[in-house]
């Protein structure tokens, strides 16, 4: 990755969980991602509901 991207990535990892969630909320607007694209992703989430189990709970916050 480019040095600037590496630095941004490292800075994000140092944010608190609440700050990371706020960034995630704001990031689509900053990246000019269309609301429809986010809706398609949200709609697809139900396709993966079979993975909602205690064994993979560690991945739920990613």
C-alpha atoms as a PDB file:
ATOM      1  CA  UNK A   1       0.000   0.000   0.000  1.00  0.00           C
ATOM      2  CA  UNK A   2       0.994   3.572  -0.426  1.00  0.00           C
ATOM      3  CA  UNK A   3       2.615   5.202   2.593  1.00  0.00           C
ATOM      4  CA  UNK A   4      -0.339   7.547   3.125  1.00  0.00           C
ATOM      5  CA  UNK A   5      -2.787   4.652   3.069  1.00  0.00           C
ATOM      6  CA  UNK A   6      -0.609   2.688   5.498  1.00  0.00           C
ATOM      7  CA  UNK A   7      -0.582   5.645   7.893  1.00  0.00           C
ATOM      8  CA  UNK A   8      -4.348   6.076   7.659  1.00  0.00           C
ATOM      9  CA  UNK A   9      -4.812   2.373   8.302  1.00  0.00           C
ATOM     10  CA  UNK A  10      -2.607   2.509  11.388  1.00  0.00           C
ATOM     11  CA  UNK A  11      -4.424   5.617  12.655  1.00  0.00           C
ATOM     12  CA  UNK A  12      -7.783   3.867  12.257  1.00  0.00           C
ATOM     13  CA  UNK A  13      -6.567   0.889  14.272  1.00  0.00           C
ATOM     14  CA  UNK A  14      -5.728   3.259  17.141  1.00  0.00           C
ATOM     15  CA  UNK A  15      -9.244   4.716  17.280  1.00  0.00           C
ATOM     16  CA  UNK A  16     -11.612   3.626  20.020  1.00  0.00           C
ATOM     17  CA  UNK A  17     -14.468   1.285  19.072  1.00  0.00           C
ATOM     18  CA  UNK A  18     -16.911   4.203  19.182  1.00  0.00           C
ATOM     19  CA  UNK A  19     -14.666   6.302  16.944  1.00  0.00           C
ATOM     20  CA  UNK A  20     -14.336   3.406  14.509  1.00  0.00           C
ATOM     21  CA  UNK A  21     -18.119   3.033  14.382  1.00  0.00           C
ATOM     22  CA  UNK A  22     -18.508   6.763  13.729  1.00  0.00           C
ATOM     23  CA  UNK A  23     -15.914   6.558  10.965  1.00  0.00           C
ATOM     24  CA  UNK A  24     -17.757   3.610   9.442  1.00  0.00           C
ATOM     25  CA  UNK A  25     -20.962   5.652   9.479  1.00  0.00           C
ATOM     26  CA  UNK A  26     -19.294   8.621   7.745  1.00  0.00           C
ATOM     27  CA  UNK A  27     -16.985   6.762   5.361  1.00  0.00           C
ATOM     28  CA  UNK A  28     -19.494   6.065   2.556  1.00  0.00           C
ATOM     29  CA  UNK A  29     -20.158   9.787   2.204  1.00  0.00           C
ATOM     30  CA  UNK A  30     -16.429  10.571   2.203  1.00  0.00           C
ATOM     31  CA  UNK A  31     -15.842   7.917  -0.480  1.00  0.00           C
ATOM     32  CA  UNK A  32     -18.874   8.981  -2.535  1.00  0.00           C
ATOM     33  CA  UNK A  33     -20.563   5.594  -2.189  1.00  0.00           C
ATOM     34  CA  UNK A  34     -24.160   5.807  -3.367  1.00  0.00           C
ATOM     35  CA  UNK A  35     -26.867   5.085  -0.763  1.00  0.00           C
ATOM     36  CA  UNK A  36     -28.300   2.442  -3.107  1.00  0.00           C
ATOM     37  CA  UNK A  37     -25.019   0.536  -3.017  1.00  0.00           C
ATOM     38  CA  UNK A  38     -25.172   0.455   0.769  1.00  0.00           C
ATOM     39  CA  UNK A  39     -28.754  -0.781   0.631  1.00  0.00           C
ATOM     40  CA  UNK A  40     -27.770  -3.658  -1.671  1.00  0.00           C
ATOM     41  CA  UNK A  41     -25.039  -4.656   0.766  1.00  0.00           C
ATOM     42  CA  UNK A  42     -27.501  -4.498   3.680  1.00  0.00           C
ATOM     43  CA  UNK A  43     -29.998  -6.594   1.740  1.00  0.00           C
ATOM     44  CA  UNK A  44     -27.358  -9.252   1.036  1.00  0.00           C
ATOM     45  CA  UNK A  45     -26.529  -9.628   4.745  1.00  0.00           C
ATOM     46  CA  UNK A  46     -29.451 -11.971   5.326  1.00  0.00           C
ATOM     47  CA  UNK A  47     -27.868 -14.434   2.900  1.00  0.00           C
ATOM     48  CA  UNK A  48     -25.151 -15.030   5.471  1.00  0.00           C
ATOM     49  CA  UNK A  49     -27.383 -15.507   8.519  1.00  0.00           C
ATOM     50  CA  UNK A  50     -26.341 -19.169   8.768  1.00  0.00           C
ATOM     51  CA  UNK A  51     -22.994 -17.861  10.078  1.00  0.00           C
ATOM     52  CA  UNK A  52     -24.675 -16.261  13.091  1.00  0.00           C
ATOM     53  CA  UNK A  53     -23.470 -18.653  15.736  1.00  0.00           C
ATOM     54  CA  UNK A  54     -21.263 -18.589  18.851  1.00  0.00           C
ATOM     55  CA  UNK A  55     -18.287 -20.122  17.034  1.00  0.00           C
ATOM     56  CA  UNK A  56     -17.798 -17.153  14.732  1.00  0.00           C
ATOM     57  CA  UNK A  57     -18.959 -14.438  17.138  1.00  0.00           C
ATOM     58  CA  UNK A  58     -15.397 -13.086  17.254  1.00  0.00           C
ATOM     59  CA  UNK A  59     -15.820 -11.910  13.627  1.00  0.00           C
ATOM     60  CA  UNK A  60     -19.097 -10.034  14.247  1.00  0.00           C
ATOM     61  CA  UNK A  61     -17.336  -6.768  15.138  1.00  0.00           C
ATOM     62  CA  UNK A  62     -15.144  -6.665  12.018  1.00  0.00           C
END
